[in-house]
Amino acid sequence: MVPVRREGKMIMKCNKCGYEVEAKSVESRKYSMTYQVEANKRVATAVASEARERKLSPEEREMLSEYYEIFLEEFEREEEAEE
């Protein structure tokens, strides 16, 4: 018998004869399907997560502002040096 989820219900199904019986919720927690994939058939993937809005403290805002100013000054100096 193999657990199959159908319409939100857990059903135990026989792969040979097709017999099906609805599993009780207590019983369905005991069953789970696991698959083993050979290492050469695995595909590496990345997990993307949704960005969260982060509020900066006044100190962080000031520090970030200073970093921007320093970056812009250095960028300006490099551009002048190239000309």
Protein backbone atom coordinates (compact mmCIF):
# COMPACT_ATOMS: atom_id res chain seq x y z
CA MET A 1 0.00 0.00 0.00
CA VAL A 2 1.25 3.42 -0.99
CA PRO A 3 0.04 6.71 0.53
CA VAL A 4 -1.62 9.01 -2.02
CA ARG A 5 -2.98 12.49 -1.30
CA ARG A 6 -6.22 13.23 -3.14
CA GLU A 7 -8.56 16.18 -2.51
CA GLY A 8 -6.87 16.89 0.81
CA LYS A 9 -7.34 13.32 2.04
CA MET A 10 -4.72 10.64 2.57
CA ILE A 11 -5.62 7.43 0.74
CA MET A 12 -3.75 4.13 0.90
CA LYS A 13 -3.61 2.53 -2.54
CA CYS A 14 -2.36 -0.87 -3.72
CA ASN A 15 -0.16 -0.51 -6.81
CA LYS A 16 -0.95 -4.04 -8.02
CA CYS A 17 -4.73 -4.32 -7.77
CA GLY A 18 -5.76 -0.64 -7.36
CA TYR A 19 -7.60 -1.20 -4.07
CA GLU A 20 -7.99 2.05 -2.13
CA VAL A 21 -8.93 2.83 1.44
CA GLU A 22 -9.03 6.21 3.18
CA ALA A 23 -6.40 6.46 5.90
CA LYS A 24 -7.32 7.90 9.27
CA SER A 25 -5.50 11.09 10.22
CA VAL A 26 -3.59 9.31 12.99
CA GLU A 27 -2.45 6.60 10.58
CA SER A 28 -1.52 9.02 7.80
CA ARG A 29 1.14 10.68 9.97
CA LYS A 30 3.03 7.40 10.08
CA TYR A 31 3.40 7.14 6.30
CA SER A 32 5.51 9.21 4.00
CA MET A 33 7.06 8.76 0.57
CA THR A 34 10.80 9.11 0.17
CA TYR A 35 12.79 8.97 -3.03
CA GLN A 36 16.47 8.36 -3.44
CA VAL A 37 18.10 10.04 -6.43
CA GLU A 38 21.49 9.01 -7.69
CA ALA A 39 24.20 11.65 -7.23
CA ASN A 40 24.85 11.99 -10.99
CA LYS A 41 21.15 12.75 -11.63
CA ARG A 42 20.82 15.48 -9.00
CA VAL A 43 20.41 19.07 -10.09
CA ALA A 44 21.90 21.86 -8.00
CA THR A 45 19.41 24.66 -7.36
CA ALA A 46 19.35 27.87 -5.40
CA VAL A 47 16.68 28.95 -2.97
CA ALA A 48 15.29 32.41 -3.52
CA SER A 49 13.68 34.25 -0.68
CA GLU A 50 11.55 37.34 -0.71
CA ALA A 51 13.33 40.49 0.42
CA ARG A 52 12.08 41.93 3.66
CA GLU A 53 11.74 45.61 4.24
CA ARG A 54 14.34 46.65 6.77
CA LYS A 55 14.16 49.96 8.55
CA LEU A 56 17.48 51.63 9.26
CA SER A 57 18.23 53.30 12.55
CA PRO A 58 19.31 56.95 12.49
CA GLU A 59 22.92 55.88 13.19
CA GLU A 60 22.86 53.42 10.28
CA ARG A 61 21.41 56.08 7.97
CA GLU A 62 24.13 58.54 8.93
CA MET A 63 26.87 55.95 8.43
CA LEU A 64 25.43 54.97 5.04
CA SER A 65 25.27 58.61 4.02
CA GLU A 66 28.94 59.05 4.97
CA TYR A 67 29.90 55.96 2.94
CA TYR A 68 28.08 57.38 -0.09
CA GLU A 69 29.87 60.72 0.27
CA ILE A 70 33.28 59.02 0.52
CA PHE A 71 32.48 56.80 -2.47
CA LEU A 72 31.41 59.76 -4.60
CA GLU A 73 34.52 61.76 -3.65
CA GLU A 74 36.83 58.85 -4.56
CA PHE A 75 34.93 58.22 -7.78
CA GLU A 76 35.28 61.89 -8.72
CA ARG A 77 39.04 61.83 -7.99
CA GLU A 78 39.53 58.73 -10.15
CA GLU A 79 37.62 60.33 -13.02
CA GLU A 80 39.76 63.50 -12.78
CA ALA A 81 42.93 61.38 -12.70
CA GLU A 82 41.90 59.52 -15.86
CA GLU A 83 41.35 62.77 -17.82
